[in-house]
C-alpha atoms as a PDB file:
ATOM      1  CA  MET A   1      31.037  11.814  21.511  1.00  0.00           C
ATOM      2  CA  SER A   2      29.636   9.527  18.744  1.00  0.00           C
ATOM      3  CA  GLU A   3      26.044   9.729  17.820  1.00  0.00           C
ATOM      4  CA  PHE A   4      23.884   6.565  18.140  1.00  0.00           C
ATOM      5  CA  LYS A   5      22.241   5.379  14.764  1.00  0.00           C
ATOM      6  CA  ASN A   6      19.497   2.842  14.717  1.00  0.00           C
ATOM      7  CA  ASP A   7      19.365   0.209  12.034  1.00  0.00           C
ATOM      8  CA  TYR A   8      17.595   2.730   9.832  1.00  0.00           C
ATOM      9  CA  GLY A   9      20.544   5.001   9.894  1.00  0.00           C
ATOM     10  CA  ASN A  10      18.794   7.827  11.470  1.00  0.00           C
ATOM     11  CA  GLU A  11      20.856   9.887  14.016  1.00  0.00           C
ATOM     12  CA  GLY A  12      19.892   9.672  17.629  1.00  0.00           C
ATOM     13  CA  GLY A  13      18.259   6.279  17.090  1.00  0.00           C
ATOM     14  CA  TYR A  14      14.934   7.901  16.001  1.00  0.00           C
ATOM     15  CA  PRO A  15      12.524   5.799  13.758  1.00  0.00           C
ATOM     16  CA  PRO A  16      12.076   6.800  10.133  1.00  0.00           C
ATOM     17  CA  VAL A  17       9.751   9.597   9.251  1.00  0.00           C
ATOM     18  CA  ALA A  18       6.520   8.641   7.536  1.00  0.00           C
ATOM     19  CA  PHE A  19       6.323  11.467   4.949  1.00  0.00           C
ATOM     20  CA  TYR A  20       9.186  10.591   2.741  1.00  0.00           C
ATOM     21  CA  PHE A  21       8.202   7.656   0.444  1.00  0.00           C
ATOM     22  CA  SER A  22       7.934   6.530  -3.065  1.00  0.00           C
ATOM     23  CA  VAL A  23       5.595   4.264  -5.056  1.00  0.00           C
ATOM     24  CA  SER A  24       6.498   2.409  -8.167  1.00  0.00           C
ATOM     25  CA  PHE A  25       5.008  -0.343 -10.422  1.00  0.00           C
ATOM     26  CA  PRO A  26       8.008  -2.617 -11.226  1.00  0.00           C
ATOM     27  CA  ASP A  27       6.086  -4.949 -13.542  1.00  0.00           C
ATOM     28  CA  ASP A  28       4.979  -2.369 -15.903  1.00  0.00           C
ATOM     29  CA  PRO A  29       7.685   0.033 -17.280  1.00  0.00           C
ATOM     30  CA  HIS A  30       5.059   2.201 -18.877  1.00  0.00           C
ATOM     31  CA  ILE A  31       3.586   3.167 -15.621  1.00  0.00           C
ATOM     32  CA  LYS A  32       6.100   5.615 -14.180  1.00  0.00           C
ATOM     33  CA  ALA A  33       6.844   6.078 -10.392  1.00  0.00           C
ATOM     34  CA  SER A  34       4.122   8.441  -9.245  1.00  0.00           C
ATOM     35  CA  SER A  35       3.953  10.970  -6.424  1.00  0.00           C
ATOM     36  CA  PHE A  36       1.224  10.065  -3.910  1.00  0.00           C
ATOM     37  CA  LYS A  37       0.303  12.169  -0.922  1.00  0.00           C
ATOM     38  CA  GLU A  38      -0.631   9.275   1.200  1.00  0.00           C
ATOM     39  CA  VAL A  39      -0.274   5.486   1.372  1.00  0.00           C
ATOM     40  CA  SER A  40      -2.386   3.380   3.702  1.00  0.00           C
ATOM     41  CA  GLY A  41      -3.554  -0.148   4.189  1.00  0.00           C
ATOM     42  CA  ILE A  42      -0.268  -1.881   4.716  1.00  0.00           C
ATOM     43  CA  GLY A  43      -0.841  -4.648   7.003  1.00  0.00           C
ATOM     44  CA  SER A  44      -1.639  -8.429   7.312  1.00  0.00           C
ATOM     45  CA  GLU A  45      -3.525 -10.424   9.973  1.00  0.00           C
ATOM     46  CA  ILE A  46      -4.261 -14.021  10.708  1.00  0.00           C
ATOM     47  CA  GLU A  47      -7.944 -14.856  10.575  1.00  0.00           C
ATOM     48  CA  THR A  48      -8.917 -17.164  13.377  1.00  0.00           C
ATOM     49  CA  GLU A  49     -11.627 -19.569  14.240  1.00  0.00           C
ATOM     50  CA  SER A  50     -13.085 -19.927  17.725  1.00  0.00           C
ATOM     51  CA  VAL A  51     -13.391 -23.583  18.915  1.00  0.00           C
ATOM     52  CA  ALA A  52     -14.813 -24.486  22.331  1.00  0.00           C
ATOM     53  CA  GLU A  53     -13.371 -27.417  24.092  1.00  0.00           C
ATOM     54  CA  GLY A  54     -15.923 -29.671  26.009  1.00  0.00           C
ATOM     55  CA  GLY A  55     -15.420 -29.344  29.733  1.00  0.00           C
ATOM     56  CA  GLU A  56     -13.105 -26.298  29.396  1.00  0.00           C
ATOM     57  CA  ASN A  57     -15.123 -23.214  30.465  1.00  0.00           C
ATOM     58  CA  ARG A  58     -12.100 -20.846  31.127  1.00  0.00           C
ATOM     59  CA  PHE A  59     -11.277 -20.019  27.443  1.00  0.00           C
ATOM     60  CA  THR A  60     -12.000 -20.751  23.880  1.00  0.00           C
ATOM     61  CA  HIS A  61      -9.370 -21.909  21.503  1.00  0.00           C
ATOM     62  CA  GLN A  62      -8.366 -19.533  18.629  1.00  0.00           C
ATOM     63  CA  LEU A  63      -7.159 -21.577  15.826  1.00  0.00           C
ATOM     64  CA  PRO A  64      -5.367 -20.023  12.809  1.00  0.00           C
ATOM     65  CA  LYS A  65      -7.186 -20.100   9.462  1.00  0.00           C
ATOM     66  CA  ARG A  66      -5.553 -17.892   6.773  1.00  0.00           C
ATOM     67  CA  ILE A  67      -3.695 -14.622   6.179  1.00  0.00           C
ATOM     68  CA  LYS A  68      -5.768 -11.766   5.019  1.00  0.00           C
ATOM     69  CA  HIS A  69      -4.862  -8.287   3.879  1.00  0.00           C
ATOM     70  CA  GLY A  70      -6.875  -5.194   3.594  1.00  0.00           C
ATOM     71  CA  ASN A  71      -6.742  -3.151   0.348  1.00  0.00           C
ATOM     72  CA  LEU A  72      -3.715  -0.843  -0.422  1.00  0.00           C
ATOM     73  CA  VAL A  73      -4.913   2.764  -0.581  1.00  0.00           C
ATOM     74  CA  LEU A  74      -2.943   5.279  -2.627  1.00  0.00           C
ATOM     75  CA  LYS A  75      -4.055   9.102  -2.727  1.00  0.00           C
ATOM     76  CA  ARG A  76      -2.775  11.740  -4.869  1.00  0.00           C
ATOM     77  CA  GLY A  77      -3.872  14.943  -6.824  1.00  0.00           C
ATOM     78  CA  LEU A  78      -6.123  14.422  -9.765  1.00  0.00           C
ATOM     79  CA  THR A  79      -4.080  13.790 -12.865  1.00  0.00           C
ATOM     80  CA  SER A  80      -4.523  13.668 -16.610  1.00  0.00           C
ATOM     81  CA  THR A  81      -6.737  11.035 -18.050  1.00  0.00           C
ATOM     82  CA  LYS A  82      -4.060  10.523 -20.696  1.00  0.00           C
ATOM     83  CA  SER A  83      -1.554   8.860 -18.289  1.00  0.00           C
ATOM     84  CA  LYS A  84      -0.819   5.129 -18.412  1.00  0.00           C
ATOM     85  CA  PHE A  85      -1.796   4.603 -14.785  1.00  0.00           C
ATOM     86  CA  VAL A  86      -5.285   6.263 -15.332  1.00  0.00           C
ATOM     87  CA  ASN A  87      -5.624   4.053 -18.466  1.00  0.00           C
ATOM     88  CA  TRP A  88      -4.934   0.912 -16.370  1.00  0.00           C
ATOM     89  CA  LEU A  89      -7.517   2.052 -13.774  1.00  0.00           C
ATOM     90  CA  ARG A  90     -10.100   2.836 -16.468  1.00  0.00           C
ATOM     91  CA  THR A  91      -9.454  -0.386 -18.534  1.00  0.00           C
ATOM     92  CA  THR A  92      -9.869  -2.456 -15.285  1.00  0.00           C
ATOM     93  CA  LEU A  93     -12.814  -0.609 -13.656  1.00  0.00           C
ATOM     94  CA  GLU A  94     -14.900  -0.049 -16.749  1.00  0.00           C
ATOM     95  CA  SER A  95     -14.408  -3.557 -18.026  1.00  0.00           C
ATOM     96  CA  ASP A  96     -17.197  -5.987 -18.747  1.00  0.00           C
ATOM     97  CA  PHE A  97     -15.104  -8.864 -17.392  1.00  0.00           C
ATOM     98  CA  SER A  98     -14.617 -10.547 -20.702  1.00  0.00           C
ATOM     99  CA  LYS A  99     -10.922 -10.343 -20.334  1.00  0.00           C
ATOM    100  CA  ALA A 100      -8.567 -11.071 -17.467  1.00  0.00           C
ATOM    101  CA  PHE A 101      -7.359  -8.153 -15.402  1.00  0.00           C
ATOM    102  CA  ALA A 102      -3.979  -6.798 -16.027  1.00  0.00           C
ATOM    103  CA  THR A 103      -2.126  -7.026 -12.696  1.00  0.00           C
ATOM    104  CA  SER A 104       1.046  -5.352 -11.596  1.00  0.00           C
ATOM    105  CA  SER A 105       3.355  -5.248  -8.561  1.00  0.00           C
ATOM    106  CA  VAL A 106       3.244  -2.185  -6.436  1.00  0.00           C
ATOM    107  CA  GLN A 107       6.323  -1.217  -4.560  1.00  0.00           C
ATOM    108  CA  VAL A 108       6.164   1.266  -1.587  1.00  0.00           C
ATOM    109  CA  ASN A 109       9.611   2.407  -0.460  1.00  0.00           C
ATOM    110  CA  LEU A 110      10.114   4.391   2.835  1.00  0.00           C
ATOM    111  CA  LEU A 111      13.051   6.660   2.327  1.00  0.00           C
ATOM    112  CA  ASN A 112      15.499   8.317   4.741  1.00  0.00           C
ATOM    113  CA  PRO A 113      16.453  11.995   4.474  1.00  0.00           C
ATOM    114  CA  ASN A 114      19.135  11.218   1.905  1.00  0.00           C
ATOM    115  CA  GLY A 115      16.638   9.506  -0.400  1.00  0.00           C
ATOM    116  CA  ASP A 116      17.936   5.959   0.319  1.00  0.00           C
ATOM    117  CA  ILE A 117      15.374   3.204   0.802  1.00  0.00           C
ATOM    118  CA  VAL A 118      15.215   2.046   4.515  1.00  0.00           C
ATOM    119  CA  ASP A 119      12.166  -0.178   4.149  1.00  0.00           C
ATOM    120  CA  SER A 120      10.165  -1.550   1.157  1.00  0.00           C
ATOM    121  CA  TRP A 121       6.830  -3.318   0.689  1.00  0.00           C
ATOM    122  CA  LEU A 122       6.026  -5.359  -2.395  1.00  0.00           C
ATOM    123  CA  PHE A 123       2.443  -6.028  -3.256  1.00  0.00           C
ATOM    124  CA  SER A 124       2.129  -8.833  -5.874  1.00  0.00           C
ATOM    125  CA  ASN A 125      -0.551  -9.229  -8.409  1.00  0.00           C
ATOM    126  CA  ALA A 126      -2.271  -5.957  -7.592  1.00  0.00           C
ATOM    127  CA  TYR A 127      -5.100  -4.570  -9.425  1.00  0.00           C
ATOM    128  CA  PRO A 128      -7.484  -1.647  -8.770  1.00  0.00           C
ATOM    129  CA  VAL A 129     -10.766  -2.283  -7.109  1.00  0.00           C
ATOM    130  CA  LYS A 130     -11.891   1.253  -6.362  1.00  0.00           C
ATOM    131  CA  TRP A 131     -11.286   4.606  -7.826  1.00  0.00           C
ATOM    132  CA  ASN A 132     -12.803   7.578  -5.884  1.00  0.00           C
ATOM    133  CA  ILE A 133     -12.589  11.248  -6.315  1.00  0.00           C
ATOM    134  CA  GLU A 134     -12.865  13.007  -2.947  1.00  0.00           C
ATOM    135  CA  SER A 135     -15.641  15.651  -2.581  1.00  0.00           C
ATOM    136  CA  PHE A 136     -15.424  19.109  -4.128  1.00  0.00           C
ATOM    137  CA  ASP A 137     -16.173  21.937  -1.717  1.00  0.00           C
ATOM    138  CA  SER A 138     -16.487  25.503  -3.041  1.00  0.00           C
ATOM    139  CA  GLN A 139     -15.548  26.830   0.481  1.00  0.00           C
ATOM    140  CA  LYS A 140     -12.180  25.109   0.810  1.00  0.00           C
ATOM    141  CA  ASN A 141      -9.052  26.035  -1.146  1.00  0.00           C
ATOM    142  CA  GLU A 142      -7.623  22.384  -1.628  1.00  0.00           C
ATOM    143  CA  ILE A 143      -6.309  20.220  -4.433  1.00  0.00           C
ATOM    144  CA  ALA A 144      -8.857  17.743  -6.012  1.00  0.00           C
ATOM    145  CA  ILE A 145      -7.670  14.321  -4.630  1.00  0.00           C
ATOM    146  CA  GLU A 146      -8.103  10.972  -6.099  1.00  0.00           C
ATOM    147  CA  SER A 147      -7.978   7.680  -4.131  1.00  0.00           C
ATOM    148  CA  VAL A 148      -7.272   4.250  -5.656  1.00  0.00           C
ATOM    149  CA  GLU A 149      -7.584   1.036  -3.757  1.00  0.00           C
ATOM    150  CA  PHE A 150      -5.792  -2.095  -4.832  1.00  0.00           C
ATOM    151  CA  SER A 151      -6.434  -5.736  -4.114  1.00  0.00           C
ATOM    152  CA  TYR A 152      -3.385  -7.993  -4.199  1.00  0.00           C
ATOM    153  CA  THR A 153      -2.315 -11.547  -3.381  1.00  0.00           C
ATOM    154  CA  THR A 154       0.682 -11.200  -1.100  1.00  0.00           C
ATOM    155  CA  VAL A 155       2.691  -8.490   0.503  1.00  0.00           C
ATOM    156  CA  LYS A 156       6.412  -8.841   1.274  1.00  0.00           C
ATOM    157  CA  ARG A 157       8.327  -6.511   3.460  1.00  0.00           C
ATOM    158  CA  ASN A 158      12.091  -6.131   2.404  1.00  0.00           C
ATOM    159  CA  LYS A 159      14.085  -4.354   4.885  1.00  0.00           C
ATOM    160  CA  THR A 160      17.094  -2.954   3.040  1.00  0.00           C
ATOM    161  CA  THR A 161      19.238  -1.716   5.887  1.00  0.00           C
ATOM    162  CA  GLY A 162      20.911  -3.175   8.885  1.00  0.00           C
END
């Protein structure tokens, strides 16, 4: 009896797992692919404008305006201030706005159990807009976590299988 595989290549047709992913910065070879514990903020929506039509009381027209994105959020264990990634964060977030921000693409890859890319999102012209260190708590035995939010111009999903 043959096993059913979905277009992600998973046995039994199951969707891919969300805990196996990678993050890289393809525009800057000096920033190495980093290990992150969490990626969030992947999404897009169409902003709409409500327009009432005279004489029509049953509904209001919802007209599309523009595409908007939330910030891409990456979380990981606190790392050395000597890394190229941290240097980019500091240069951007501690700037006096006298120079243009350095932007980079950010690529998030969802991986299958073999480590193959099954889905990919490319965030263009990204730059850090928020860098936060999560709270320290003397009653918890947890790793210190830093959270970085990126603004970007566009996101493109590139499904690589199927």
